């Protein structure tokens, strides 16, 4: 019996010595493989360099993407008294579809924006309710506003005029 106890202790102590060594070897090999992959992934890495040509190329691409979408500029809402009897008022919001980005930049200039609003108010003061109640009257008003806006701007930037609000009372 004493021999059996000694054999169990000696066989059990052999496994208890192998497991920590085996665990240490596996742990070191996994850590070494991870370190190798990190090292391999960073060999030859350099910080990216941006040049003015690359930035200009990216800016041109952005402008081309923007040019594909309609360029709309919304003027503030107008409330104007119409000409004629009975006295009526019109409340409208005008959206201008621009041909180029430069047109929006030009109309956003405070002087041109003031001129544009003034000219639209002048056009509306000259109109009566009977001029604007038909579809043809509204289309004629759109064309008149577009031509006046193109006279204010240095080039013909306005392609189309849209009314997002058009109320006559």
C-alpha atoms as a PDB file:
ATOM      1  CA  UNK A   1       0.000   0.000   0.000  1.00  0.00           C
ATOM      2  CA  UNK A   2       2.756   2.375   0.723  1.00  0.00           C
ATOM      3  CA  UNK A   3       4.151   1.754  -2.732  1.00  0.00           C
ATOM      4  CA  UNK A   4       0.780   2.573  -4.318  1.00  0.00           C
ATOM      5  CA  UNK A   5       0.661   5.927  -2.588  1.00  0.00           C
ATOM      6  CA  UNK A   6       4.175   6.771  -3.685  1.00  0.00           C
ATOM      7  CA  UNK A   7       3.390   5.801  -7.316  1.00  0.00           C
ATOM      8  CA  UNK A   8       0.283   8.006  -7.382  1.00  0.00           C
ATOM      9  CA  UNK A   9       2.247  10.932  -5.948  1.00  0.00           C
ATOM     10  CA  UNK A  10       5.060  10.497  -8.428  1.00  0.00           C
ATOM     11  CA  UNK A  11       2.716  10.110 -11.451  1.00  0.00           C
ATOM     12  CA  UNK A  12       0.528  13.038 -10.382  1.00  0.00           C
ATOM     13  CA  UNK A  13       3.488  15.255  -9.742  1.00  0.00           C
ATOM     14  CA  UNK A  14       4.760  14.603 -13.320  1.00  0.00           C
ATOM     15  CA  UNK A  15       1.535  15.951 -14.881  1.00  0.00           C
ATOM     16  CA  UNK A  16       1.497  18.923 -12.535  1.00  0.00           C
ATOM     17  CA  UNK A  17       4.994  19.819 -13.747  1.00  0.00           C
ATOM     18  CA  UNK A  18       4.133  19.406 -17.464  1.00  0.00           C
ATOM     19  CA  UNK A  19       0.964  21.591 -17.491  1.00  0.00           C
ATOM     20  CA  UNK A  20       2.653  24.876 -16.406  1.00  0.00           C
ATOM     21  CA  UNK A  21       5.482  24.280 -18.843  1.00  0.00           C
ATOM     22  CA  UNK A  22       3.031  23.446 -21.651  1.00  0.00           C
ATOM     23  CA  UNK A  23       0.913  26.524 -20.799  1.00  0.00           C
ATOM     24  CA  UNK A  24       4.032  28.734 -20.775  1.00  0.00           C
ATOM     25  CA  UNK A  25       5.170  27.438 -24.171  1.00  0.00           C
ATOM     26  CA  UNK A  26       1.703  27.983 -25.743  1.00  0.00           C
ATOM     27  CA  UNK A  27       1.442  31.443 -24.177  1.00  0.00           C
ATOM     28  CA  UNK A  28       4.873  32.484 -25.438  1.00  0.00           C
ATOM     29  CA  UNK A  29       4.213  31.141 -28.940  1.00  0.00           C
ATOM     30  CA  UNK A  30       0.857  32.989 -29.249  1.00  0.00           C
ATOM     31  CA  UNK A  31       2.416  36.210 -27.915  1.00  0.00           C
ATOM     32  CA  UNK A  32       5.371  35.818 -30.277  1.00  0.00           C
ATOM     33  CA  UNK A  33       3.054  35.212 -33.271  1.00  0.00           C
ATOM     34  CA  UNK A  34       1.031  38.342 -32.396  1.00  0.00           C
ATOM     35  CA  UNK A  35       4.171  40.433 -32.047  1.00  0.00           C
ATOM     36  CA  UNK A  36       5.451  39.109 -35.384  1.00  0.00           C
ATOM     37  CA  UNK A  37       2.166  40.026 -37.144  1.00  0.00           C
ATOM     38  CA  UNK A  38       2.257  43.549 -35.690  1.00  0.00           C
ATOM     39  CA  UNK A  39       5.880  43.958 -36.741  1.00  0.00           C
ATOM     40  CA  UNK A  40       5.170  42.568 -40.232  1.00  0.00           C
ATOM     41  CA  UNK A  41       2.182  44.907 -40.654  1.00  0.00           C
ATOM     42  CA  UNK A  42       4.192  48.029 -39.810  1.00  0.00           C
ATOM     43  CA  UNK A  43       7.264  47.368 -41.947  1.00  0.00           C
ATOM     44  CA  UNK A  44       7.567  50.015 -44.644  1.00  0.00           C
ATOM     45  CA  UNK A  45       4.750  52.211 -43.269  1.00  0.00           C
ATOM     46  CA  UNK A  46       5.217  55.907 -43.908  1.00  0.00           C
ATOM     47  CA  UNK A  47       3.005  58.809 -43.046  1.00  0.00           C
ATOM     48  CA  UNK A  48       0.791  59.778 -46.016  1.00  0.00           C
ATOM     49  CA  UNK A  49       1.855  62.939 -47.820  1.00  0.00           C
ATOM     50  CA  UNK A  50      -0.713  65.423 -49.126  1.00  0.00           C
ATOM     51  CA  UNK A  51       0.271  67.751 -51.910  1.00  0.00           C
ATOM     52  CA  UNK A  52      -1.531  70.770 -53.289  1.00  0.00           C
ATOM     53  CA  UNK A  53      -2.185  68.865 -56.513  1.00  0.00           C
ATOM     54  CA  UNK A  54      -3.906  66.066 -54.594  1.00  0.00           C
ATOM     55  CA  UNK A  55      -6.033  68.543 -52.647  1.00  0.00           C
ATOM     56  CA  UNK A  56      -6.969  70.394 -55.852  1.00  0.00           C
ATOM     57  CA  UNK A  57      -7.927  67.110 -57.520  1.00  0.00           C
ATOM     58  CA  UNK A  58     -10.167  66.239 -54.558  1.00  0.00           C
ATOM     59  CA  UNK A  59     -11.755  69.722 -54.615  1.00  0.00           C
ATOM     60  CA  UNK A  60     -12.497  69.363 -58.342  1.00  0.00           C
ATOM     61  CA  UNK A  61     -14.111  65.971 -57.730  1.00  0.00           C
ATOM     62  CA  UNK A  62     -16.313  67.441 -54.996  1.00  0.00           C
ATOM     63  CA  UNK A  63     -17.341  70.330 -57.250  1.00  0.00           C
ATOM     64  CA  UNK A  64     -18.183  67.896 -60.067  1.00  0.00           C
ATOM     65  CA  UNK A  65     -20.388  65.887 -57.706  1.00  0.00           C
ATOM     66  CA  UNK A  66     -22.103  69.062 -56.519  1.00  0.00           C
ATOM     67  CA  UNK A  67     -22.613  70.178 -60.122  1.00  0.00           C
ATOM     68  CA  UNK A  68     -24.590  67.006 -60.837  1.00  0.00           C
ATOM     69  CA  UNK A  69     -27.177  67.968 -58.222  1.00  0.00           C
ATOM     70  CA  UNK A  70     -29.444  70.977 -58.755  1.00  0.00           C
ATOM     71  CA  UNK A  71     -28.074  74.063 -57.058  1.00  0.00           C
ATOM     72  CA  UNK A  72     -30.971  75.806 -55.338  1.00  0.00           C
ATOM     73  CA  UNK A  73     -30.872  79.117 -53.530  1.00  0.00           C
ATOM     74  CA  UNK A  74     -33.933  80.126 -51.518  1.00  0.00           C
ATOM     75  CA  UNK A  75     -34.701  83.811 -51.117  1.00  0.00           C
ATOM     76  CA  UNK A  76     -36.492  85.037 -48.024  1.00  0.00           C
ATOM     77  CA  UNK A  77     -40.289  85.032 -48.135  1.00  0.00           C
ATOM     78  CA  UNK A  78     -42.028  87.962 -49.805  1.00  0.00           C
ATOM     79  CA  UNK A  79     -45.244  89.623 -48.678  1.00  0.00           C
ATOM     80  CA  UNK A  80     -46.241  92.247 -51.241  1.00  0.00           C
ATOM     81  CA  UNK A  81     -49.362  94.268 -52.098  1.00  0.00           C
ATOM     82  CA  UNK A  82     -50.591  93.561 -55.614  1.00  0.00           C
ATOM     83  CA  UNK A  83     -51.750  96.212 -58.052  1.00  0.00           C
ATOM     84  CA  UNK A  84     -55.419  96.626 -58.889  1.00  0.00           C
ATOM     85  CA  UNK A  85     -58.774  96.492 -57.160  1.00  0.00           C
ATOM     86  CA  UNK A  86     -59.708  94.883 -54.825  1.00  0.00           C
ATOM     87  CA  UNK A  87     -56.474  95.217 -52.885  1.00  0.00           C
ATOM     88  CA  UNK A  88     -54.777  91.856 -52.456  1.00  0.00           C
ATOM     89  CA  UNK A  89     -51.498  90.682 -50.999  1.00  0.00           C
ATOM     90  CA  UNK A  90     -49.248  87.897 -52.133  1.00  0.00           C
ATOM     91  CA  UNK A  91     -46.993  85.820 -49.945  1.00  0.00           C
ATOM     92  CA  UNK A  92     -44.438  83.755 -51.800  1.00  0.00           C
ATOM     93  CA  UNK A  93     -41.121  82.031 -51.431  1.00  0.00           C
ATOM     94  CA  UNK A  94     -38.820  81.971 -54.446  1.00  0.00           C
ATOM     95  CA  UNK A  95     -36.198  79.283 -55.096  1.00  0.00           C
ATOM     96  CA  UNK A  96     -33.615  79.910 -57.789  1.00  0.00           C
ATOM     97  CA  UNK A  97     -31.987  76.969 -59.567  1.00  0.00           C
ATOM     98  CA  UNK A  98     -28.495  78.060 -60.452  1.00  0.00           C
ATOM     99  CA  UNK A  99     -26.385  76.769 -63.340  1.00  0.00           C
ATOM    100  CA  UNK A 100     -23.090  77.017 -61.446  1.00  0.00           C
ATOM    101  CA  UNK A 101     -21.787  77.302 -57.896  1.00  0.00           C
ATOM    102  CA  UNK A 102     -20.466  80.785 -58.716  1.00  0.00           C
ATOM    103  CA  UNK A 103     -24.064  81.925 -59.217  1.00  0.00           C
ATOM    104  CA  UNK A 104     -24.966  81.041 -55.646  1.00  0.00           C
ATOM    105  CA  UNK A 105     -21.861  82.796 -54.377  1.00  0.00           C
ATOM    106  CA  UNK A 106     -22.768  85.869 -56.396  1.00  0.00           C
ATOM    107  CA  UNK A 107     -26.422  85.977 -55.306  1.00  0.00           C
ATOM    108  CA  UNK A 108     -25.359  85.507 -51.671  1.00  0.00           C
ATOM    109  CA  UNK A 109     -23.416  88.757 -51.932  1.00  0.00           C
ATOM    110  CA  UNK A 110     -25.470  91.188 -49.831  1.00  0.00           C
ATOM    111  CA  UNK A 111     -25.647  93.834 -52.599  1.00  0.00           C
ATOM    112  CA  UNK A 112     -26.966  91.379 -55.179  1.00  0.00           C
ATOM    113  CA  UNK A 113     -29.381  89.793 -52.708  1.00  0.00           C
ATOM    114  CA  UNK A 114     -30.837  93.221 -51.907  1.00  0.00           C
ATOM    115  CA  UNK A 115     -31.109  94.083 -55.619  1.00  0.00           C
ATOM    116  CA  UNK A 116     -32.791  90.744 -56.340  1.00  0.00           C
ATOM    117  CA  UNK A 117     -35.375  91.191 -53.581  1.00  0.00           C
ATOM    118  CA  UNK A 118     -36.043  94.762 -54.644  1.00  0.00           C
ATOM    119  CA  UNK A 119     -36.534  93.776 -58.277  1.00  0.00           C
ATOM    120  CA  UNK A 120     -38.893  90.905 -57.378  1.00  0.00           C
ATOM    121  CA  UNK A 121     -40.926  93.216 -55.137  1.00  0.00           C
ATOM    122  CA  UNK A 122     -41.097  95.740 -57.992  1.00  0.00           C
ATOM    123  CA  UNK A 123     -42.306  93.045 -60.403  1.00  0.00           C
ATOM    124  CA  UNK A 124     -44.989  91.885 -57.967  1.00  0.00           C
ATOM    125  CA  UNK A 125     -46.200  95.470 -57.315  1.00  0.00           C
ATOM    126  CA  UNK A 126     -46.851  95.837 -61.050  1.00  0.00           C
ATOM    127  CA  UNK A 127     -48.933  92.628 -61.209  1.00  0.00           C
ATOM    128  CA  UNK A 128     -52.617  92.308 -60.387  1.00  0.00           C
ATOM    129  CA  UNK A 129     -54.496  89.263 -59.152  1.00  0.00           C
ATOM    130  CA  UNK A 130     -55.918  88.604 -62.620  1.00  0.00           C
ATOM    131  CA  UNK A 131     -52.354  88.479 -64.003  1.00  0.00           C
ATOM    132  CA  UNK A 132     -51.305  85.790 -61.528  1.00  0.00           C
ATOM    133  CA  UNK A 133     -54.386  83.622 -61.061  1.00  0.00           C
ATOM    134  CA  UNK A 134     -53.860  81.500 -64.177  1.00  0.00           C
ATOM    135  CA  UNK A 135     -51.131  78.944 -64.747  1.00  0.00           C
ATOM    136  CA  UNK A 136     -49.875  80.975 -67.707  1.00  0.00           C
ATOM    137  CA  UNK A 137     -49.584  84.026 -65.469  1.00  0.00           C
ATOM    138  CA  UNK A 138     -47.478  82.119 -62.956  1.00  0.00           C
ATOM    139  CA  UNK A 139     -45.233  80.740 -65.710  1.00  0.00           C
ATOM    140  CA  UNK A 140     -44.821  84.225 -67.169  1.00  0.00           C
ATOM    141  CA  UNK A 141     -43.911  85.501 -63.683  1.00  0.00           C
ATOM    142  CA  UNK A 142     -41.269  82.763 -63.342  1.00  0.00           C
ATOM    143  CA  UNK A 143     -39.713  83.719 -66.682  1.00  0.00           C
ATOM    144  CA  UNK A 144     -39.763  87.405 -65.786  1.00  0.00           C
ATOM    145  CA  UNK A 145     -38.073  86.767 -62.429  1.00  0.00           C
ATOM    146  CA  UNK A 146     -35.420  84.533 -64.045  1.00  0.00           C
ATOM    147  CA  UNK A 147     -34.573  87.136 -66.688  1.00  0.00           C
ATOM    148  CA  UNK A 148     -34.392  89.926 -64.094  1.00  0.00           C
ATOM    149  CA  UNK A 149     -32.119  87.833 -61.851  1.00  0.00           C
ATOM    150  CA  UNK A 150     -29.818  87.125 -64.790  1.00  0.00           C
ATOM    151  CA  UNK A 151     -29.630  90.897 -65.471  1.00  0.00           C
ATOM    152  CA  UNK A 152     -28.572  91.493 -61.863  1.00  0.00           C
ATOM    153  CA  UNK A 153     -25.940  88.741 -61.896  1.00  0.00           C
ATOM    154  CA  UNK A 154     -22.845  89.100 -64.068  1.00  0.00           C
ATOM    155  CA  UNK A 155     -23.624  85.930 -66.064  1.00  0.00           C
ATOM    156  CA  UNK A 156     -26.749  83.911 -66.797  1.00  0.00           C
ATOM    157  CA  UNK A 157     -26.674  81.730 -63.716  1.00  0.00           C
ATOM    158  CA  UNK A 158     -30.415  81.279 -63.090  1.00  0.00           C
ATOM    159  CA  UNK A 159     -31.771  78.255 -64.951  1.00  0.00           C
ATOM    160  CA  UNK A 160     -35.210  77.995 -63.379  1.00  0.00           C
ATOM    161  CA  UNK A 161     -37.390  79.684 -60.782  1.00  0.00           C
ATOM    162  CA  UNK A 162     -39.538  77.644 -58.394  1.00  0.00           C
ATOM    163  CA  UNK A 163     -42.263  78.823 -56.043  1.00  0.00           C
ATOM    164  CA  UNK A 164     -42.307  76.812 -52.823  1.00  0.00           C
ATOM    165  CA  UNK A 165     -45.048  79.024 -51.414  1.00  0.00           C
ATOM    166  CA  UNK A 166     -47.550  81.071 -53.421  1.00  0.00           C
ATOM    167  CA  UNK A 167     -50.526  82.499 -51.506  1.00  0.00           C
ATOM    168  CA  UNK A 168     -52.742  85.339 -52.701  1.00  0.00           C
ATOM    169  CA  UNK A 169     -55.239  86.869 -50.258  1.00  0.00           C
END
